[in-house]
Structures are given as structure tokens and as C-alpha cells.
């Protein structure tokens, strides 16, 4: 009987010591920063339309280092990379996208042609497409890292609309 009492006291004492361990104020847990793997890039048009309605827009988006579109096994841009959004949301016309990889000091580019399927055109400027890009090597690009050039906006008659520019309005890292 005495043996069981001593064993019980020894067990209780051991549990009390273990319960008091730890809590040294510091934490041994190291939190690593979350690495973002994709970026949603919003491209918008700005300027004055006047009496014109937008039927389509074309532009070249320059990509920063370590940023690429998803490609198919055939090497073409995946159909999910560029989608109509904002004022072009709901368009049934799929954007035409051409990717040129970076070579040497020349950065990669995406040439995008987006059209709206509304016969009367779009009568407001604003966001037209969302582009989802892949990030590598810890890239964290901002809107200013995506220059837009070669902008061409056409009306419902196929004529160019002067005074309209395009830019990246937002980048959401995911």
C-alpha cells in the first residue's frame, strides 16, 4: 500500500513540474512571410469619349522580371489569363493574347486585343480586362511595374478613338 502512495505522490509531483515548464516569455515559432504566387492585374481606359462608343481596345503590357502568364502545353497563353471585366464584363468575345518572352535585356510582353460584344459599344471608360499572371522568385510587382504601350481604341464603326489611354489601375497579389 505504501508503495502505491509513494508512486502516486511521485507521479503528481512530476506532473506539477511539467506543467510549470515553458513560458519563458519568448516564442520558438518562426513565422515565414507568405509568398504570393499570382497577381491579378486590372487594365483600365481613361480619357474623353465624346460621342463615340468603345467597341474594342488593343495594347501591349510589359511584364516585370519573374512575372509570366500561364501557358498551355503548346506554348500559347492559357484562355484563363485575360478575361473581360469592368466595362467589358460579360463580353462573349474572348480576348486575343500574344506572349513574347523576355530575351536578354528586353522584358517580356503581352499583346492584348479585347472587344466588347455589345453592338452599341461601351459609352464609359474604366476597367476593361483582368490579367492573371504567375509570380516567381518572390516577385511582388506594383501597378507602376507594368507599363502599357501601343494603345489603340476603336469605336463601333472600327475607327480609332483619339485621346484614350490605357494603364494598370490595380494589382492584387494572391
C-alpha atoms as a PDB file:
ATOM      1  CA  UNK A   1       0.000   0.000   0.000  1.00  0.00           C
ATOM      2  CA  UNK A   2       2.781   2.377   0.924  1.00  0.00           C
ATOM      3  CA  UNK A   3       4.359   1.609  -2.443  1.00  0.00           C
ATOM      4  CA  UNK A   4       1.198   2.838  -4.260  1.00  0.00           C
ATOM      5  CA  UNK A   5       1.036   6.035  -2.198  1.00  0.00           C
ATOM      6  CA  UNK A   6       4.683   6.886  -2.924  1.00  0.00           C
ATOM      7  CA  UNK A   7       4.164   6.147  -6.614  1.00  0.00           C
ATOM      8  CA  UNK A   8       1.076   8.429  -6.653  1.00  0.00           C
ATOM      9  CA  UNK A   9       2.960  11.263  -4.919  1.00  0.00           C
ATOM     10  CA  UNK A  10       5.910  10.889  -7.295  1.00  0.00           C
ATOM     11  CA  UNK A  11       3.575  10.929 -10.323  1.00  0.00           C
ATOM     12  CA  UNK A  12       1.707  14.026  -9.049  1.00  0.00           C
ATOM     13  CA  UNK A  13       4.975  15.827  -8.343  1.00  0.00           C
ATOM     14  CA  UNK A  14       6.261  15.018 -11.867  1.00  0.00           C
ATOM     15  CA  UNK A  15       3.075  16.359 -13.457  1.00  0.00           C
ATOM     16  CA  UNK A  16       3.317  19.600 -11.450  1.00  0.00           C
ATOM     17  CA  UNK A  17       6.899  20.129 -12.572  1.00  0.00           C
ATOM     18  CA  UNK A  18       5.996  19.516 -16.224  1.00  0.00           C
ATOM     19  CA  UNK A  19       3.034  21.888 -16.000  1.00  0.00           C
ATOM     20  CA  UNK A  20       5.319  24.672 -14.773  1.00  0.00           C
ATOM     21  CA  UNK A  21       7.808  24.253 -17.631  1.00  0.00           C
ATOM     22  CA  UNK A  22       7.885  26.501 -20.677  1.00  0.00           C
ATOM     23  CA  UNK A  23       6.508  30.050 -20.756  1.00  0.00           C
ATOM     24  CA  UNK A  24       9.939  31.647 -20.890  1.00  0.00           C
ATOM     25  CA  UNK A  25       8.317  34.682 -22.485  1.00  0.00           C
ATOM     26  CA  UNK A  26       9.768  34.055 -25.938  1.00  0.00           C
ATOM     27  CA  UNK A  27       8.397  32.016 -28.754  1.00  0.00           C
ATOM     28  CA  UNK A  28      10.357  29.451 -30.665  1.00  0.00           C
ATOM     29  CA  UNK A  29       7.872  29.630 -33.551  1.00  0.00           C
ATOM     30  CA  UNK A  30       9.258  31.434 -36.585  1.00  0.00           C
ATOM     31  CA  UNK A  31       6.636  32.816 -38.950  1.00  0.00           C
ATOM     32  CA  UNK A  32       7.762  32.901 -42.551  1.00  0.00           C
ATOM     33  CA  UNK A  33       6.350  35.574 -44.831  1.00  0.00           C
ATOM     34  CA  UNK A  34       3.556  34.415 -47.099  1.00  0.00           C
ATOM     35  CA  UNK A  35       4.843  34.059 -50.636  1.00  0.00           C
ATOM     36  CA  UNK A  36       2.398  35.322 -53.236  1.00  0.00           C
ATOM     37  CA  UNK A  37       2.149  33.132 -56.340  1.00  0.00           C
ATOM     38  CA  UNK A  38      -0.079  35.163 -58.661  1.00  0.00           C
ATOM     39  CA  UNK A  39      -1.078  38.720 -59.465  1.00  0.00           C
ATOM     40  CA  UNK A  40      -4.436  39.974 -60.752  1.00  0.00           C
ATOM     41  CA  UNK A  41      -3.661  42.969 -62.962  1.00  0.00           C
ATOM     42  CA  UNK A  42      -6.555  45.309 -63.834  1.00  0.00           C
ATOM     43  CA  UNK A  43      -6.185  47.345 -67.050  1.00  0.00           C
ATOM     44  CA  UNK A  44      -8.335  50.448 -67.475  1.00  0.00           C
ATOM     45  CA  UNK A  45      -9.009  53.013 -70.174  1.00  0.00           C
ATOM     46  CA  UNK A  46      -9.143  56.730 -69.425  1.00  0.00           C
ATOM     47  CA  UNK A  47      -9.863  59.849 -71.437  1.00  0.00           C
ATOM     48  CA  UNK A  48     -12.824  61.585 -73.040  1.00  0.00           C
ATOM     49  CA  UNK A  49     -15.048  59.613 -75.388  1.00  0.00           C
ATOM     50  CA  UNK A  50     -17.208  62.432 -76.666  1.00  0.00           C
ATOM     51  CA  UNK A  51     -19.994  60.885 -78.745  1.00  0.00           C
ATOM     52  CA  UNK A  52     -18.072  57.679 -79.502  1.00  0.00           C
ATOM     53  CA  UNK A  53     -18.787  54.248 -78.047  1.00  0.00           C
ATOM     54  CA  UNK A  54     -15.945  51.777 -77.499  1.00  0.00           C
ATOM     55  CA  UNK A  55     -16.085  48.522 -79.442  1.00  0.00           C
ATOM     56  CA  UNK A  56     -12.580  47.312 -78.665  1.00  0.00           C
ATOM     57  CA  UNK A  57      -9.114  48.091 -77.417  1.00  0.00           C
ATOM     58  CA  UNK A  58      -5.627  46.767 -78.079  1.00  0.00           C
ATOM     59  CA  UNK A  59      -2.483  47.366 -76.040  1.00  0.00           C
ATOM     60  CA  UNK A  60       0.913  45.967 -75.097  1.00  0.00           C
ATOM     61  CA  UNK A  61       1.599  45.212 -71.436  1.00  0.00           C
ATOM     62  CA  UNK A  62       5.272  44.998 -70.449  1.00  0.00           C
ATOM     63  CA  UNK A  63       5.900  42.428 -67.721  1.00  0.00           C
ATOM     64  CA  UNK A  64       8.445  42.892 -64.939  1.00  0.00           C
ATOM     65  CA  UNK A  65      11.049  40.225 -64.184  1.00  0.00           C
ATOM     66  CA  UNK A  66       9.741  36.988 -62.629  1.00  0.00           C
ATOM     67  CA  UNK A  67       6.191  37.591 -63.903  1.00  0.00           C
ATOM     68  CA  UNK A  68       4.722  35.369 -66.643  1.00  0.00           C
ATOM     69  CA  UNK A  69       1.331  34.240 -67.947  1.00  0.00           C
ATOM     70  CA  UNK A  70       0.163  30.641 -67.649  1.00  0.00           C
ATOM     71  CA  UNK A  71       0.900  28.817 -70.892  1.00  0.00           C
ATOM     72  CA  UNK A  72      -0.669  25.748 -72.473  1.00  0.00           C
ATOM     73  CA  UNK A  73       1.437  22.702 -73.333  1.00  0.00           C
ATOM     74  CA  UNK A  74       1.583  24.103 -76.875  1.00  0.00           C
ATOM     75  CA  UNK A  75       3.179  27.312 -75.595  1.00  0.00           C
ATOM     76  CA  UNK A  76       0.214  29.618 -76.146  1.00  0.00           C
ATOM     77  CA  UNK A  77      -1.324  31.798 -73.439  1.00  0.00           C
ATOM     78  CA  UNK A  78      -3.979  29.927 -71.445  1.00  0.00           C
ATOM     79  CA  UNK A  79      -7.536  31.139 -72.052  1.00  0.00           C
ATOM     80  CA  UNK A  80      -7.939  31.952 -68.338  1.00  0.00           C
ATOM     81  CA  UNK A  81      -5.135  34.546 -68.300  1.00  0.00           C
ATOM     82  CA  UNK A  82      -7.090  37.514 -69.724  1.00  0.00           C
ATOM     83  CA  UNK A  83     -10.801  37.969 -69.046  1.00  0.00           C
ATOM     84  CA  UNK A  84     -13.116  40.883 -69.837  1.00  0.00           C
ATOM     85  CA  UNK A  85     -14.031  42.825 -66.690  1.00  0.00           C
ATOM     86  CA  UNK A  86     -15.346  46.205 -65.624  1.00  0.00           C
ATOM     87  CA  UNK A  87     -17.000  47.929 -68.582  1.00  0.00           C
ATOM     88  CA  UNK A  88     -16.231  44.890 -70.809  1.00  0.00           C
ATOM     89  CA  UNK A  89     -17.594  42.382 -68.251  1.00  0.00           C
ATOM     90  CA  UNK A  90     -19.935  39.828 -69.740  1.00  0.00           C
ATOM     91  CA  UNK A  91     -18.483  40.152 -73.223  1.00  0.00           C
ATOM     92  CA  UNK A  92     -18.816  36.966 -75.229  1.00  0.00           C
ATOM     93  CA  UNK A  93     -15.779  37.815 -77.349  1.00  0.00           C
ATOM     94  CA  UNK A  94     -12.638  36.193 -75.933  1.00  0.00           C
ATOM     95  CA  UNK A  95      -9.547  38.420 -75.823  1.00  0.00           C
ATOM     96  CA  UNK A  96      -6.720  37.620 -78.219  1.00  0.00           C
ATOM     97  CA  UNK A  97      -3.437  37.427 -76.307  1.00  0.00           C
ATOM     98  CA  UNK A  98       0.107  37.029 -77.616  1.00  0.00           C
ATOM     99  CA  UNK A  99       3.038  36.474 -75.247  1.00  0.00           C
ATOM    100  CA  UNK A 100       6.615  37.383 -76.109  1.00  0.00           C
ATOM    101  CA  UNK A 101       9.095  36.030 -73.529  1.00  0.00           C
ATOM    102  CA  UNK A 102      11.945  38.160 -72.223  1.00  0.00           C
ATOM    103  CA  UNK A 103      15.229  37.903 -74.108  1.00  0.00           C
ATOM    104  CA  UNK A 104      18.409  39.413 -72.722  1.00  0.00           C
ATOM    105  CA  UNK A 105      17.670  42.979 -71.613  1.00  0.00           C
ATOM    106  CA  UNK A 106      14.295  43.057 -73.417  1.00  0.00           C
ATOM    107  CA  UNK A 107      11.411  42.407 -70.995  1.00  0.00           C
ATOM    108  CA  UNK A 108       8.516  40.061 -71.710  1.00  0.00           C
ATOM    109  CA  UNK A 109       5.296  41.490 -73.153  1.00  0.00           C
ATOM    110  CA  UNK A 110       1.652  40.581 -73.603  1.00  0.00           C
ATOM    111  CA  UNK A 111      -0.205  41.958 -76.615  1.00  0.00           C
ATOM    112  CA  UNK A 112      -3.909  42.029 -75.798  1.00  0.00           C
ATOM    113  CA  UNK A 113      -6.860  42.694 -78.100  1.00  0.00           C
ATOM    114  CA  UNK A 114     -10.172  42.912 -76.242  1.00  0.00           C
ATOM    115  CA  UNK A 115     -13.579  43.597 -77.751  1.00  0.00           C
ATOM    116  CA  UNK A 116     -16.993  44.118 -76.259  1.00  0.00           C
ATOM    117  CA  UNK A 117     -19.871  42.110 -77.674  1.00  0.00           C
ATOM    118  CA  UNK A 118     -22.457  44.853 -77.019  1.00  0.00           C
ATOM    119  CA  UNK A 119     -23.488  46.048 -80.517  1.00  0.00           C
ATOM    120  CA  UNK A 120     -23.950  49.645 -79.337  1.00  0.00           C
ATOM    121  CA  UNK A 121     -20.486  49.671 -77.752  1.00  0.00           C
ATOM    122  CA  UNK A 122     -19.436  50.878 -74.330  1.00  0.00           C
ATOM    123  CA  UNK A 123     -20.037  54.535 -73.512  1.00  0.00           C
ATOM    124  CA  UNK A 124     -17.817  54.807 -70.428  1.00  0.00           C
ATOM    125  CA  UNK A 125     -14.107  54.442 -69.854  1.00  0.00           C
ATOM    126  CA  UNK A 126     -12.771  52.360 -66.971  1.00  0.00           C
ATOM    127  CA  UNK A 127     -11.579  48.828 -66.334  1.00  0.00           C
ATOM    128  CA  UNK A 128     -11.720  46.562 -69.391  1.00  0.00           C
ATOM    129  CA  UNK A 129      -9.728  43.393 -68.579  1.00  0.00           C
ATOM    130  CA  UNK A 130      -8.259  41.431 -65.705  1.00  0.00           C
ATOM    131  CA  UNK A 131      -4.993  39.628 -66.365  1.00  0.00           C
ATOM    132  CA  UNK A 132      -3.862  36.832 -64.035  1.00  0.00           C
ATOM    133  CA  UNK A 133      -0.105  36.331 -64.023  1.00  0.00           C
ATOM    134  CA  UNK A 134       2.228  33.901 -62.272  1.00  0.00           C
ATOM    135  CA  UNK A 135       4.881  35.171 -59.850  1.00  0.00           C
ATOM    136  CA  UNK A 136       8.277  33.540 -59.335  1.00  0.00           C
ATOM    137  CA  UNK A 137      11.228  34.092 -57.007  1.00  0.00           C
ATOM    138  CA  UNK A 138       9.290  36.205 -54.504  1.00  0.00           C
ATOM    139  CA  UNK A 139       8.187  38.835 -57.051  1.00  0.00           C
ATOM    140  CA  UNK A 140       5.818  41.488 -55.629  1.00  0.00           C
ATOM    141  CA  UNK A 141       5.054  43.831 -58.527  1.00  0.00           C
ATOM    142  CA  UNK A 142       3.079  47.071 -58.228  1.00  0.00           C
ATOM    143  CA  UNK A 143       0.917  48.781 -60.860  1.00  0.00           C
ATOM    144  CA  UNK A 144       3.821  51.034 -61.883  1.00  0.00           C
ATOM    145  CA  UNK A 145       5.868  47.938 -62.794  1.00  0.00           C
ATOM    146  CA  UNK A 146       3.528  47.219 -65.744  1.00  0.00           C
ATOM    147  CA  UNK A 147       3.943  49.882 -68.454  1.00  0.00           C
ATOM    148  CA  UNK A 148       1.178  49.922 -71.081  1.00  0.00           C
ATOM    149  CA  UNK A 149       2.038  50.981 -74.646  1.00  0.00           C
ATOM    150  CA  UNK A 150       0.749  50.759 -78.222  1.00  0.00           C
ATOM    151  CA  UNK A 151      -2.791  51.610 -77.112  1.00  0.00           C
ATOM    152  CA  UNK A 152      -5.436  51.558 -79.823  1.00  0.00           C
ATOM    153  CA  UNK A 153      -9.140  52.039 -79.050  1.00  0.00           C
ATOM    154  CA  UNK A 154     -11.816  51.728 -81.739  1.00  0.00           C
ATOM    155  CA  UNK A 155     -15.455  52.743 -81.971  1.00  0.00           C
ATOM    156  CA  UNK A 156     -18.354  50.666 -83.278  1.00  0.00           C
ATOM    157  CA  UNK A 157     -17.512  51.668 -86.867  1.00  0.00           C
ATOM    158  CA  UNK A 158     -13.917  50.419 -86.491  1.00  0.00           C
ATOM    159  CA  UNK A 159     -12.489  53.938 -86.430  1.00  0.00           C
ATOM    160  CA  UNK A 160      -9.817  54.895 -83.878  1.00  0.00           C
ATOM    161  CA  UNK A 161     -10.897  56.996 -80.894  1.00  0.00           C
ATOM    162  CA  UNK A 162      -8.323  59.710 -80.157  1.00  0.00           C
ATOM    163  CA  UNK A 163      -7.385  60.786 -76.639  1.00  0.00           C
ATOM    164  CA  UNK A 164      -7.941  57.450 -74.887  1.00  0.00           C
ATOM    165  CA  UNK A 165      -5.096  55.905 -72.899  1.00  0.00           C
ATOM    166  CA  UNK A 166      -4.678  52.644 -71.002  1.00  0.00           C
ATOM    167  CA  UNK A 167      -2.918  51.894 -67.740  1.00  0.00           C
ATOM    168  CA  UNK A 168      -2.761  49.313 -64.991  1.00  0.00           C
ATOM    169  CA  UNK A 169      -5.198  50.574 -62.372  1.00  0.00           C
ATOM    170  CA  UNK A 170      -4.683  47.860 -59.757  1.00  0.00           C
ATOM    171  CA  UNK A 171      -2.532  44.837 -58.917  1.00  0.00           C
ATOM    172  CA  UNK A 172      -3.828  42.330 -56.389  1.00  0.00           C
ATOM    173  CA  UNK A 173      -1.220  39.834 -55.176  1.00  0.00           C
ATOM    174  CA  UNK A 174      -2.531  36.409 -54.228  1.00  0.00           C
END
